[in-house]
Amino acid sequence: MGRQREPFASLLLYHLFKWSVVSPMLHAYFRGRVYGTEHVPPQGPLVVVSNHASLFDPPILSCSLRRPVAYMAKEELFQVPLLGQAIRLYGAYPVKREAADRSAIRQALLQLEAGWAVGVFLQGTRTPDGRIPLPKLGAAMIAAKTQTPILPVGLWGTQDILRKGSPVPQPTPVTIRIGQPIAPPTGTKRDALEAVTQQCVTAIHTLHDMGR
């Protein structure tokens, strides 16, 4: 059985970064609104799925869930002194570009075993409107292999944080809506993975469509 809590050092770094940087920026600068926090299990393995429109999405989502969320990061970042140690403590896990899918799933399974919530953007990359036209099956596969619940989250407004030609984040309103947990697929066959993935997409789009 896996751990029920993230490592203490990771929790300490998460709260330090959250309360000193992310939370003030989310609530004061972006006028962030967060709904549905009662749906978030406070500990234990969890697969978090959401739409993705901004580089700011991972820290905003993790801050809103009130617990650390581990995301994949390219392997090269872990070779940078200090940065590599910091992002690893914060829950990031390395993925090789040439084998991203296999490596990401393997590393995500290890993070879940260690008690983390693992974040997966269903589209895999950012979309300009925050929609998910071509969802990938990785999150459903991870949930199926570990029989871990899936938590859908809709991020609204984050696509306007960084605008073309301006390196400064814009004070755009941001809303985060957290849905009801979704049961994992009962097996790893493609039809089961596709059914749960589509259930996640529908839930996220419904949350996103609620707007501000």
C-alpha atoms as a PDB file:
ATOM      1  CA  MET A   1       0.000   0.000   0.000  1.00  0.00           C
ATOM      2  CA  GLY A   2       1.279   3.460  -0.887  1.00  0.00           C
ATOM      3  CA  ARG A   3       1.850   6.369   1.441  1.00  0.00           C
ATOM      4  CA  GLN A   4      -1.046   8.620   2.414  1.00  0.00           C
ATOM      5  CA  ARG A   5       0.905  11.888   2.487  1.00  0.00           C
ATOM      6  CA  GLU A   6       3.556  13.586   0.414  1.00  0.00           C
ATOM      7  CA  PRO A   7       7.073  13.825   1.955  1.00  0.00           C
ATOM      8  CA  PHE A   8       7.301  16.414   4.732  1.00  0.00           C
ATOM      9  CA  ALA A   9       9.920  18.499   2.884  1.00  0.00           C
ATOM     10  CA  SER A  10       7.615  18.695  -0.135  1.00  0.00           C
ATOM     11  CA  LEU A  11       4.671  19.786   1.993  1.00  0.00           C
ATOM     12  CA  LEU A  12       6.825  22.460   3.624  1.00  0.00           C
ATOM     13  CA  LEU A  13       8.009  23.829   0.260  1.00  0.00           C
ATOM     14  CA  TYR A  14       4.466  23.710  -1.127  1.00  0.00           C
ATOM     15  CA  HIS A  15       3.021  25.790   1.720  1.00  0.00           C
ATOM     16  CA  LEU A  16       5.940  28.235   1.664  1.00  0.00           C
ATOM     17  CA  PHE A  17       5.569  28.889  -2.083  1.00  0.00           C
ATOM     18  CA  LYS A  18       1.769  28.881  -1.914  1.00  0.00           C
ATOM     19  CA  TRP A  19       1.355  31.462   0.848  1.00  0.00           C
ATOM     20  CA  SER A  20       4.260  33.703  -0.168  1.00  0.00           C
ATOM     21  CA  VAL A  21       3.693  33.810  -3.942  1.00  0.00           C
ATOM     22  CA  VAL A  22       0.863  31.818  -5.546  1.00  0.00           C
ATOM     23  CA  SER A  23      -2.071  32.489  -3.215  1.00  0.00           C
ATOM     24  CA  PRO A  24      -1.550  36.290  -3.026  1.00  0.00           C
ATOM     25  CA  MET A  25      -1.215  36.462  -6.812  1.00  0.00           C
ATOM     26  CA  LEU A  26      -4.236  34.235  -7.454  1.00  0.00           C
ATOM     27  CA  HIS A  27      -6.597  35.976  -5.057  1.00  0.00           C
ATOM     28  CA  ALA A  28      -5.400  39.584  -5.209  1.00  0.00           C
ATOM     29  CA  TYR A  29      -3.960  40.011  -8.711  1.00  0.00           C
ATOM     30  CA  PHE A  30      -6.187  37.569 -10.631  1.00  0.00           C
ATOM     31  CA  ARG A  31      -9.204  38.005  -8.328  1.00  0.00           C
ATOM     32  CA  GLY A  32      -9.387  34.223  -8.239  1.00  0.00           C
ATOM     33  CA  ARG A  33     -12.547  32.394  -7.305  1.00  0.00           C
ATOM     34  CA  VAL A  34     -12.403  28.736  -6.274  1.00  0.00           C
ATOM     35  CA  TYR A  35     -15.458  26.484  -6.057  1.00  0.00           C
ATOM     36  CA  GLY A  36     -15.798  22.832  -5.030  1.00  0.00           C
ATOM     37  CA  THR A  37     -12.878  22.396  -2.624  1.00  0.00           C
ATOM     38  CA  GLU A  38     -15.089  20.069  -0.566  1.00  0.00           C
ATOM     39  CA  HIS A  39     -14.656  17.494  -3.359  1.00  0.00           C
ATOM     40  CA  VAL A  40     -10.868  17.244  -2.856  1.00  0.00           C
ATOM     41  CA  PRO A  41      -9.615  14.306  -0.742  1.00  0.00           C
ATOM     42  CA  PRO A  42      -7.127  15.891   1.704  1.00  0.00           C
ATOM     43  CA  GLN A  43      -4.645  13.033   1.368  1.00  0.00           C
ATOM     44  CA  GLY A  44      -3.940   9.827  -0.486  1.00  0.00           C
ATOM     45  CA  PRO A  45      -3.342   9.117  -4.185  1.00  0.00           C
ATOM     46  CA  LEU A  46      -5.440  11.171  -6.608  1.00  0.00           C
ATOM     47  CA  VAL A  47      -5.402  11.799 -10.368  1.00  0.00           C
ATOM     48  CA  VAL A  48      -6.322  15.420 -11.137  1.00  0.00           C
ATOM     49  CA  VAL A  49      -7.409  16.206 -14.707  1.00  0.00           C
ATOM     50  CA  SER A  50      -8.085  19.630 -16.180  1.00  0.00           C
ATOM     51  CA  ASN A  51      -8.054  21.797 -19.264  1.00  0.00           C
ATOM     52  CA  HIS A  52      -4.891  23.763 -19.996  1.00  0.00           C
ATOM     53  CA  ALA A  53      -4.455  27.241 -21.482  1.00  0.00           C
ATOM     54  CA  SER A  54      -1.574  28.870 -19.571  1.00  0.00           C
ATOM     55  CA  LEU A  55       1.863  28.249 -18.104  1.00  0.00           C
ATOM     56  CA  PHE A  56       0.334  29.481 -14.839  1.00  0.00           C
ATOM     57  CA  ASP A  57      -2.128  26.575 -14.677  1.00  0.00           C
ATOM     58  CA  PRO A  58      -0.053  24.095 -12.579  1.00  0.00           C
ATOM     59  CA  PRO A  59       0.625  26.407  -9.577  1.00  0.00           C
ATOM     60  CA  ILE A  60      -2.902  27.881  -9.737  1.00  0.00           C
ATOM     61  CA  LEU A  61      -4.468  24.425  -9.740  1.00  0.00           C
ATOM     62  CA  SER A  62      -2.257  23.116  -6.941  1.00  0.00           C
ATOM     63  CA  CYS A  63      -2.964  26.199  -4.824  1.00  0.00           C
ATOM     64  CA  SER A  64      -6.721  25.829  -5.346  1.00  0.00           C
ATOM     65  CA  LEU A  65      -6.767  22.163  -4.359  1.00  0.00           C
ATOM     66  CA  ARG A  66      -5.035  22.961  -1.043  1.00  0.00           C
ATOM     67  CA  ARG A  67      -2.548  20.133  -1.509  1.00  0.00           C
ATOM     68  CA  PRO A  68       0.506  19.603  -3.728  1.00  0.00           C
ATOM     69  CA  VAL A  69      -0.063  18.305  -7.246  1.00  0.00           C
ATOM     70  CA  ALA A  70       2.795  16.587  -9.075  1.00  0.00           C
ATOM     71  CA  TYR A  71       3.312  17.387 -12.766  1.00  0.00           C
ATOM     72  CA  MET A  72       5.797  16.083 -15.315  1.00  0.00           C
ATOM     73  CA  ALA A  73       8.656  18.308 -16.442  1.00  0.00           C
ATOM     74  CA  LYS A  74      11.294  17.839 -19.120  1.00  0.00           C
ATOM     75  CA  GLU A  75      14.335  15.905 -17.929  1.00  0.00           C
ATOM     76  CA  GLU A  76      16.784  18.734 -18.691  1.00  0.00           C
ATOM     77  CA  LEU A  77      15.347  20.940 -15.926  1.00  0.00           C
ATOM     78  CA  PHE A  78      16.431  18.444 -13.270  1.00  0.00           C
ATOM     79  CA  GLN A  79      20.078  18.887 -14.296  1.00  0.00           C
ATOM     80  CA  VAL A  80      20.058  22.596 -13.368  1.00  0.00           C
ATOM     81  CA  PRO A  81      21.674  23.148  -9.931  1.00  0.00           C
ATOM     82  CA  LEU A  82      19.179  24.062  -7.184  1.00  0.00           C
ATOM     83  CA  LEU A  83      16.280  24.249  -9.656  1.00  0.00           C
ATOM     84  CA  GLY A  84      16.328  20.490 -10.135  1.00  0.00           C
ATOM     85  CA  GLN A  85      16.178  19.812  -6.400  1.00  0.00           C
ATOM     86  CA  ALA A  86      13.485  22.449  -5.856  1.00  0.00           C
ATOM     87  CA  ILE A  87      11.066  21.265  -8.533  1.00  0.00           C
ATOM     88  CA  ARG A  88      11.546  17.642  -7.460  1.00  0.00           C
ATOM     89  CA  LEU A  89      10.605  18.573  -3.888  1.00  0.00           C
ATOM     90  CA  TYR A  90       7.606  20.452  -5.281  1.00  0.00           C
ATOM     91  CA  GLY A  91       6.417  17.253  -6.948  1.00  0.00           C
ATOM     92  CA  ALA A  92       7.697  17.543 -10.515  1.00  0.00           C
ATOM     93  CA  TYR A  93       8.970  14.326 -12.083  1.00  0.00           C
ATOM     94  CA  PRO A  94      11.328  14.005 -15.058  1.00  0.00           C
ATOM     95  CA  VAL A  95      10.162  12.802 -18.460  1.00  0.00           C
ATOM     96  CA  LYS A  96      12.311  12.089 -21.503  1.00  0.00           C
ATOM     97  CA  ARG A  97      11.016  13.847 -24.602  1.00  0.00           C
ATOM     98  CA  GLU A  98      11.618  10.907 -26.918  1.00  0.00           C
ATOM     99  CA  ALA A  99       9.587   8.536 -24.717  1.00  0.00           C
ATOM    100  CA  ALA A 100       7.178  10.973 -23.077  1.00  0.00           C
ATOM    101  CA  ASP A 101       4.071   8.778 -22.889  1.00  0.00           C
ATOM    102  CA  ARG A 102       5.698   5.656 -21.403  1.00  0.00           C
ATOM    103  CA  SER A 103       7.991   7.614 -19.130  1.00  0.00           C
ATOM    104  CA  ALA A 104       5.226   9.938 -17.894  1.00  0.00           C
ATOM    105  CA  ILE A 105       2.937   7.066 -16.948  1.00  0.00           C
ATOM    106  CA  ARG A 106       5.724   5.177 -15.183  1.00  0.00           C
ATOM    107  CA  GLN A 107       6.789   8.238 -13.189  1.00  0.00           C
ATOM    108  CA  ALA A 108       3.191   9.180 -12.365  1.00  0.00           C
ATOM    109  CA  LEU A 109       2.616   5.716 -10.902  1.00  0.00           C
ATOM    110  CA  LEU A 110       5.620   6.215  -8.629  1.00  0.00           C
ATOM    111  CA  GLN A 111       4.309   9.589  -7.461  1.00  0.00           C
ATOM    112  CA  LEU A 112       0.897   8.117  -6.647  1.00  0.00           C
ATOM    113  CA  GLU A 113       2.597   5.346  -4.701  1.00  0.00           C
ATOM    114  CA  ALA A 114       4.319   8.047  -2.632  1.00  0.00           C
ATOM    115  CA  GLY A 115       0.977   9.642  -1.715  1.00  0.00           C
ATOM    116  CA  TRP A 116       0.904  12.500  -4.213  1.00  0.00           C
ATOM    117  CA  ALA A 117      -1.941  13.895  -6.256  1.00  0.00           C
ATOM    118  CA  VAL A 118      -0.801  13.670  -9.882  1.00  0.00           C
ATOM    119  CA  GLY A 119      -1.946  16.320 -12.352  1.00  0.00           C
ATOM    120  CA  VAL A 120      -2.630  15.524 -16.004  1.00  0.00           C
ATOM    121  CA  PHE A 121      -3.762  17.980 -18.678  1.00  0.00           C
ATOM    122  CA  LEU A 122      -6.036  15.872 -20.860  1.00  0.00           C
ATOM    123  CA  GLN A 123      -5.095  17.644 -24.093  1.00  0.00           C
ATOM    124  CA  GLY A 124      -1.396  17.224 -23.303  1.00  0.00           C
ATOM    125  CA  THR A 125      -0.633  20.768 -24.487  1.00  0.00           C
ATOM    126  CA  ARG A 126      -2.150  24.223 -24.054  1.00  0.00           C
ATOM    127  CA  THR A 127      -5.160  25.242 -26.127  1.00  0.00           C
ATOM    128  CA  PRO A 128      -6.022  28.907 -26.807  1.00  0.00           C
ATOM    129  CA  ASP A 129      -9.620  28.611 -25.604  1.00  0.00           C
ATOM    130  CA  GLY A 130      -9.238  26.167 -22.734  1.00  0.00           C
ATOM    131  CA  ARG A 131     -11.164  23.410 -24.549  1.00  0.00           C
ATOM    132  CA  ILE A 132     -10.096  19.764 -24.930  1.00  0.00           C
ATOM    133  CA  PRO A 133     -10.716  18.711 -28.549  1.00  0.00           C
ATOM    134  CA  LEU A 134      -8.291  15.761 -28.625  1.00  0.00           C
ATOM    135  CA  PRO A 135      -7.979  14.220 -25.141  1.00  0.00           C
ATOM    136  CA  LYS A 136      -5.259  11.675 -24.460  1.00  0.00           C
ATOM    137  CA  LEU A 137      -5.867   8.442 -22.537  1.00  0.00           C
ATOM    138  CA  GLY A 138      -2.890   8.690 -20.163  1.00  0.00           C
ATOM    139  CA  ALA A 139      -4.841   9.889 -17.118  1.00  0.00           C
ATOM    140  CA  ALA A 140      -7.406   7.105 -17.469  1.00  0.00           C
ATOM    141  CA  MET A 141      -4.609   4.566 -17.894  1.00  0.00           C
ATOM    142  CA  ILE A 142      -2.856   5.787 -14.734  1.00  0.00           C
ATOM    143  CA  ALA A 143      -6.119   5.712 -12.777  1.00  0.00           C
ATOM    144  CA  ALA A 144      -6.967   2.222 -14.064  1.00  0.00           C
ATOM    145  CA  LYS A 145      -3.574   0.764 -13.165  1.00  0.00           C
ATOM    146  CA  THR A 146      -3.762   2.137  -9.602  1.00  0.00           C
ATOM    147  CA  GLN A 147      -7.560   2.184  -9.127  1.00  0.00           C
ATOM    148  CA  THR A 148      -7.243   5.826  -8.095  1.00  0.00           C
ATOM    149  CA  PRO A 149     -10.179   8.272  -8.286  1.00  0.00           C
ATOM    150  CA  ILE A 150     -10.050  11.027 -10.917  1.00  0.00           C
ATOM    151  CA  LEU A 151     -10.831  14.629  -9.964  1.00  0.00           C
ATOM    152  CA  PRO A 152     -11.987  16.911 -12.834  1.00  0.00           C
ATOM    153  CA  VAL A 153     -11.142  20.620 -12.613  1.00  0.00           C
ATOM    154  CA  GLY A 154     -12.202  23.409 -14.943  1.00  0.00           C
ATOM    155  CA  LEU A 155      -9.861  26.400 -15.275  1.00  0.00           C
ATOM    156  CA  TRP A 156     -11.554  29.521 -16.648  1.00  0.00           C
ATOM    157  CA  GLY A 157      -9.798  32.723 -17.763  1.00  0.00           C
ATOM    158  CA  THR A 158      -6.191  31.559 -17.574  1.00  0.00           C
ATOM    159  CA  GLN A 159      -5.717  31.869 -21.359  1.00  0.00           C
ATOM    160  CA  ASP A 160      -5.647  35.654 -20.936  1.00  0.00           C
ATOM    161  CA  ILE A 161      -2.903  35.777 -18.290  1.00  0.00           C
ATOM    162  CA  LEU A 162      -0.068  35.949 -20.815  1.00  0.00           C
ATOM    163  CA  ARG A 163      -0.786  37.914 -23.974  1.00  0.00           C
ATOM    164  CA  LYS A 164       1.277  37.963 -27.133  1.00  0.00           C
ATOM    165  CA  GLY A 165       3.950  40.648 -27.056  1.00  0.00           C
ATOM    166  CA  SER A 166       3.789  41.205 -23.298  1.00  0.00           C
ATOM    167  CA  PRO A 167       6.003  39.335 -20.803  1.00  0.00           C
ATOM    168  CA  VAL A 168       3.949  40.698 -17.885  1.00  0.00           C
ATOM    169  CA  PRO A 169       1.057  38.594 -16.529  1.00  0.00           C
ATOM    170  CA  GLN A 170      -2.257  40.400 -17.039  1.00  0.00           C
ATOM    171  CA  PRO A 171      -4.619  40.954 -14.063  1.00  0.00           C
ATOM    172  CA  THR A 172      -7.369  38.926 -15.708  1.00  0.00           C
ATOM    173  CA  PRO A 173     -10.138  37.328 -13.590  1.00  0.00           C
ATOM    174  CA  VAL A 174      -9.600  33.597 -13.032  1.00  0.00           C
ATOM    175  CA  THR A 175     -12.084  30.994 -11.810  1.00  0.00           C
ATOM    176  CA  ILE A 176     -11.365  27.413 -10.734  1.00  0.00           C
ATOM    177  CA  ARG A 177     -14.215  24.923 -10.413  1.00  0.00           C
ATOM    178  CA  ILE A 178     -13.601  21.478  -8.906  1.00  0.00           C
ATOM    179  CA  GLY A 179     -16.018  18.697  -9.812  1.00  0.00           C
ATOM    180  CA  GLN A 180     -17.116  15.456  -8.214  1.00  0.00           C
ATOM    181  CA  PRO A 181     -14.549  12.616  -8.273  1.00  0.00           C
ATOM    182  CA  ILE A 182     -14.948  10.124 -11.120  1.00  0.00           C
ATOM    183  CA  ALA A 183     -14.399   6.396 -10.598  1.00  0.00           C
ATOM    184  CA  PRO A 184     -11.378   4.946 -12.425  1.00  0.00           C
ATOM    185  CA  PRO A 185     -11.815   2.547 -15.358  1.00  0.00           C
ATOM    186  CA  THR A 186     -12.303  -1.045 -14.241  1.00  0.00           C
ATOM    187  CA  GLY A 187      -9.660  -2.217 -16.709  1.00  0.00           C
ATOM    188  CA  THR A 188      -7.068  -1.003 -19.191  1.00  0.00           C
ATOM    189  CA  LYS A 189      -8.868  -1.939 -22.415  1.00  0.00           C
ATOM    190  CA  ARG A 190      -9.140   0.961 -24.841  1.00  0.00           C
ATOM    191  CA  ASP A 191     -12.930   1.210 -24.799  1.00  0.00           C
ATOM    192  CA  ALA A 192     -12.957   1.518 -21.000  1.00  0.00           C
ATOM    193  CA  LEU A 193     -10.205   4.159 -21.085  1.00  0.00           C
ATOM    194  CA  GLU A 194     -12.002   6.139 -23.792  1.00  0.00           C
ATOM    195  CA  ALA A 195     -15.322   6.051 -21.909  1.00  0.00           C
ATOM    196  CA  VAL A 196     -13.838   7.443 -18.685  1.00  0.00           C
ATOM    197  CA  THR A 197     -11.720   9.974 -20.573  1.00  0.00           C
ATOM    198  CA  GLN A 198     -14.825  11.298 -22.320  1.00  0.00           C
ATOM    199  CA  GLN A 199     -16.605  11.446 -18.960  1.00  0.00           C
ATOM    200  CA  CYS A 200     -13.735  13.605 -17.673  1.00  0.00           C
ATOM    201  CA  VAL A 201     -13.827  15.889 -20.730  1.00  0.00           C
ATOM    202  CA  THR A 202     -17.588  16.381 -20.384  1.00  0.00           C
ATOM    203  CA  ALA A 203     -17.233  17.217 -16.680  1.00  0.00           C
ATOM    204  CA  ILE A 204     -14.401  19.703 -17.322  1.00  0.00           C
ATOM    205  CA  HIS A 205     -16.226  21.426 -20.182  1.00  0.00           C
ATOM    206  CA  THR A 206     -19.363  21.711 -18.024  1.00  0.00           C
ATOM    207  CA  LEU A 207     -17.321  23.325 -15.237  1.00  0.00           C
ATOM    208  CA  HIS A 208     -15.546  25.620 -17.716  1.00  0.00           C
ATOM    209  CA  ASP A 209     -18.837  26.670 -19.335  1.00  0.00           C
ATOM    210  CA  MET A 210     -20.115  27.930 -15.981  1.00  0.00           C
ATOM    211  CA  GLY A 211     -17.709  30.841 -16.495  1.00  0.00           C
ATOM    212  CA  ARG A 212     -16.980  33.423 -13.876  1.00  0.00           C
END
